[in-house]
């Protein structure tokens, strides 16, 4: 048992949920991709991963240009529908901030959060909502040394504040298609390892 629930090991599977856990029972994690501003194009790693795992969920938006935190949270909620499985949220840039905010508001619905190149909250004037406090669920943060939207020193700061495991990707720009991150198998492998540490139970409540 750990701070987030029973120590059952669960990994990613091609059908979009997690594979069987270490205790032999099927896992109940739902993977949801959360792109940032302007969505993720056809060569972006989020799109490549969705093509590889066609049952992974992905939010949709009417307006991908307006950085509306409430709009992104509503999009996550819409995509979930009536599902009751705890989520593994995988967000990029503004989508990472939205995933973090959703997890902070609805921790009983989230098993873990992957934050890839989260943007500096002040850039979107949401620093009063993205707080420098520990997340109630496990999190994994990928950061680059030359990301134009978040200095690496700030990524380290936020990782410390949120209690996130920090992955140093080196000089990788904004960790997007423009930086050469298409299929990105190493990122997917690290997320699979991260997911194996998660419990498919809510972060609090029914333990």
Protein backbone atom coordinates (compact mmCIF):
# COMPACT_ATOMS: atom_id res chain seq x y z
CA UNK A 1 0.00 0.00 0.00
CA UNK A 2 1.26 3.50 -0.80
CA UNK A 3 -0.07 7.04 -0.51
CA UNK A 4 -2.15 6.59 -3.66
CA UNK A 5 -3.65 3.18 -2.93
CA UNK A 6 -2.80 -0.51 -3.24
CA UNK A 7 0.46 -1.35 -4.98
CA UNK A 8 -0.98 -3.07 -8.05
CA UNK A 9 1.21 -2.88 -11.16
CA UNK A 10 -0.59 -1.97 -14.38
CA UNK A 11 0.81 -1.25 -17.84
CA UNK A 12 -0.49 0.21 -21.08
CA UNK A 13 -2.12 -2.01 -23.69
CA UNK A 14 -2.98 -1.46 -27.36
CA UNK A 15 -6.71 -1.29 -26.68
CA UNK A 16 -6.36 1.92 -24.71
CA UNK A 17 -6.86 0.62 -21.20
CA UNK A 18 -4.19 -0.82 -18.97
CA UNK A 19 -3.22 -4.45 -19.14
CA UNK A 20 -3.82 -6.89 -16.32
CA UNK A 21 -2.36 -5.85 -12.98
CA UNK A 22 0.17 -7.76 -10.95
CA UNK A 23 -2.54 -9.37 -8.84
CA UNK A 24 -4.13 -10.93 -11.93
CA UNK A 25 -7.23 -8.72 -12.00
CA UNK A 26 -7.93 -6.55 -15.05
CA UNK A 27 -7.02 -2.90 -14.66
CA UNK A 28 -9.48 -0.08 -15.10
CA UNK A 29 -7.48 2.86 -16.39
CA UNK A 30 -8.72 4.97 -19.29
CA UNK A 31 -6.07 6.80 -21.32
CA UNK A 32 -7.06 10.28 -22.48
CA UNK A 33 -4.89 12.47 -24.71
CA UNK A 34 -5.19 16.21 -24.09
CA UNK A 35 -3.57 18.36 -26.81
CA UNK A 36 -2.71 22.02 -26.31
CA UNK A 37 -3.46 25.17 -28.28
CA UNK A 38 -4.04 24.52 -32.02
CA UNK A 39 -4.46 20.78 -31.35
CA UNK A 40 -1.76 18.25 -32.24
CA UNK A 41 -1.13 17.78 -35.95
CA UNK A 42 -0.70 14.55 -37.92
CA UNK A 43 3.03 14.25 -37.16
CA UNK A 44 2.74 15.05 -33.46
CA UNK A 45 3.48 12.27 -30.96
CA UNK A 46 -0.07 12.45 -29.55
CA UNK A 47 -1.52 11.71 -32.97
CA UNK A 48 1.04 8.98 -33.62
CA UNK A 49 0.23 7.36 -30.29
CA UNK A 50 -3.49 7.52 -30.95
CA UNK A 51 -2.96 5.79 -34.29
CA UNK A 52 -0.97 3.09 -32.54
CA UNK A 53 -3.57 2.77 -29.76
CA UNK A 54 -6.85 3.51 -31.58
CA UNK A 55 -9.01 3.07 -28.50
CA UNK A 56 -7.25 5.77 -26.55
CA UNK A 57 -9.53 8.72 -26.01
CA UNK A 58 -8.74 12.26 -27.15
CA UNK A 59 -10.51 15.51 -26.41
CA UNK A 60 -12.15 17.56 -29.15
CA UNK A 61 -12.70 21.31 -29.20
CA UNK A 62 -14.70 23.78 -31.25
CA UNK A 63 -12.08 26.44 -30.65
CA UNK A 64 -8.49 25.25 -30.40
CA UNK A 65 -7.09 28.78 -30.50
CA UNK A 66 -8.52 30.22 -27.27
CA UNK A 67 -6.60 29.11 -24.15
CA UNK A 68 -9.72 28.60 -22.05
CA UNK A 69 -8.95 26.42 -19.02
CA UNK A 70 -12.62 25.82 -18.27
CA UNK A 71 -13.20 24.91 -21.91
CA UNK A 72 -10.43 22.31 -21.83
CA UNK A 73 -11.76 20.85 -18.57
CA UNK A 74 -15.25 20.67 -20.10
CA UNK A 75 -13.76 18.87 -23.12
CA UNK A 76 -12.19 16.27 -20.82
CA UNK A 77 -15.52 15.84 -19.06
CA UNK A 78 -17.38 15.48 -22.38
CA UNK A 79 -15.00 12.82 -23.61
CA UNK A 80 -15.46 10.75 -20.49
CA UNK A 81 -19.21 10.63 -20.81
CA UNK A 82 -20.59 8.11 -18.35
CA UNK A 83 -17.36 6.16 -17.89
CA UNK A 84 -16.32 5.62 -14.31
CA UNK A 85 -12.78 4.41 -14.80
CA UNK A 86 -9.95 6.45 -13.27
CA UNK A 87 -7.99 8.30 -15.91
CA UNK A 88 -4.44 8.41 -17.10
CA UNK A 89 -4.30 11.91 -18.57
CA UNK A 90 -1.53 12.63 -21.09
CA UNK A 91 -1.38 16.36 -21.80
CA UNK A 92 0.90 18.55 -23.88
CA UNK A 93 1.61 22.27 -23.32
CA UNK A 94 -1.67 24.01 -22.38
CA UNK A 95 -3.24 20.56 -22.43
CA UNK A 96 -0.80 19.53 -19.71
CA UNK A 97 -1.91 22.45 -17.54
CA UNK A 98 -5.54 21.56 -18.20
CA UNK A 99 -4.88 17.93 -17.28
CA UNK A 100 -3.19 19.02 -14.07
CA UNK A 101 -6.07 21.33 -13.20
CA UNK A 102 -8.62 18.57 -13.87
CA UNK A 103 -6.70 16.17 -11.64
CA UNK A 104 -6.54 18.73 -8.86
CA UNK A 105 -10.31 19.26 -9.03
CA UNK A 106 -11.38 15.64 -9.57
CA UNK A 107 -8.71 13.46 -7.95
CA UNK A 108 -11.08 10.54 -7.40
CA UNK A 109 -11.40 10.17 -11.17
CA UNK A 110 -7.70 10.33 -12.02
CA UNK A 111 -5.08 7.63 -11.46
CA UNK A 112 -2.18 9.67 -12.81
CA UNK A 113 -1.16 12.61 -15.01
CA UNK A 114 1.57 12.90 -17.64
CA UNK A 115 2.65 16.48 -18.24
CA UNK A 116 4.66 16.93 -21.44
CA UNK A 117 6.22 20.38 -21.89
CA UNK A 118 3.67 22.20 -19.72
CA UNK A 119 3.62 25.91 -20.51
CA UNK A 120 4.36 28.50 -17.86
CA UNK A 121 0.93 29.27 -16.33
CA UNK A 122 1.52 33.04 -16.30
CA UNK A 123 1.70 32.99 -20.11
CA UNK A 124 -2.04 32.28 -20.12
CA UNK A 125 -2.86 34.37 -17.05
CA UNK A 126 -3.98 31.30 -15.10
CA UNK A 127 -1.33 31.42 -12.37
CA UNK A 128 -4.12 31.92 -9.82
CA UNK A 129 -5.59 28.53 -10.78
CA UNK A 130 -2.48 26.46 -11.46
CA UNK A 131 -1.12 26.38 -7.95
CA UNK A 132 2.33 25.55 -6.62
CA UNK A 133 0.95 22.80 -4.37
CA UNK A 134 1.34 19.00 -4.48
CA UNK A 135 -0.98 17.15 -6.82
CA UNK A 136 -3.30 14.60 -5.18
CA UNK A 137 -2.30 11.97 -7.78
CA UNK A 138 1.04 10.73 -9.17
CA UNK A 139 2.47 12.75 -12.04
CA UNK A 140 5.26 12.52 -14.58
CA UNK A 141 6.69 15.70 -16.11
CA UNK A 142 8.75 15.76 -19.32
CA UNK A 143 10.79 18.96 -19.74
CA UNK A 144 13.23 20.36 -22.27
CA UNK A 145 16.25 22.62 -21.75
CA UNK A 146 15.29 24.94 -24.62
CA UNK A 147 11.50 24.96 -24.44
CA UNK A 148 10.35 28.47 -25.45
CA UNK A 149 7.28 28.20 -23.18
CA UNK A 150 8.95 26.96 -19.99
CA UNK A 151 12.55 27.34 -18.84
CA UNK A 152 14.05 24.12 -17.49
CA UNK A 153 14.72 25.77 -14.13
CA UNK A 154 11.01 26.55 -13.92
CA UNK A 155 10.13 23.00 -14.95
CA UNK A 156 12.24 21.75 -12.05
CA UNK A 157 10.50 24.23 -9.76
CA UNK A 158 7.02 23.12 -10.82
CA UNK A 159 7.97 19.45 -10.60
CA UNK A 160 9.07 20.02 -7.01
CA UNK A 161 5.87 21.92 -6.21
CA UNK A 162 3.56 19.35 -7.79
CA UNK A 163 5.48 16.33 -6.55
CA UNK A 164 6.08 15.21 -10.13
CA UNK A 165 8.74 12.83 -11.33
CA UNK A 166 10.87 14.94 -13.70
CA UNK A 167 12.19 13.56 -16.99
CA UNK A 168 14.99 15.63 -18.56
CA UNK A 169 14.56 15.35 -22.34
CA UNK A 170 17.58 17.55 -23.11
CA UNK A 171 17.45 20.15 -25.90
CA UNK A 172 14.07 19.14 -27.27
CA UNK A 173 12.30 22.43 -27.92
CA UNK A 174 8.62 22.24 -27.05
CA UNK A 175 8.65 18.43 -27.40
CA UNK A 176 6.37 18.54 -30.43
CA UNK A 177 6.41 17.63 -34.11
CA UNK A 178 8.48 20.71 -34.96
CA UNK A 179 11.16 19.38 -32.60
CA UNK A 180 11.09 15.97 -34.26
CA UNK A 181 8.89 14.19 -31.73
CA UNK A 182 6.65 12.00 -33.85
CA UNK A 183 6.34 8.35 -32.86
CA UNK A 184 8.57 9.03 -29.81
CA UNK A 185 8.86 5.41 -28.64
CA UNK A 186 11.06 6.33 -25.66
CA UNK A 187 8.38 8.64 -24.28
CA UNK A 188 5.76 5.95 -24.66
CA UNK A 189 8.03 3.46 -22.90
CA UNK A 190 8.55 5.79 -19.94
CA UNK A 191 4.80 6.39 -19.67
CA UNK A 192 4.22 2.64 -19.71
CA UNK A 193 6.67 2.27 -16.80
CA UNK A 194 4.95 5.14 -14.99
CA UNK A 195 1.52 3.56 -15.52
CA UNK A 196 2.71 0.33 -13.93
CA UNK A 197 3.16 2.18 -10.65
CA UNK A 198 -0.42 3.44 -10.64
CA UNK A 199 -3.43 2.08 -8.88
CA UNK A 200 -6.64 1.85 -10.93
CA UNK A 201 -8.47 2.93 -7.79
CA UNK A 202 -9.31 6.59 -7.17
CA UNK A 203 -6.69 8.69 -5.43
CA UNK A 204 -8.93 9.04 -2.41
CA UNK A 205 -12.22 7.67 -1.27
CA UNK A 206 -13.00 4.03 -1.97
CA UNK A 207 -9.90 2.22 -0.67
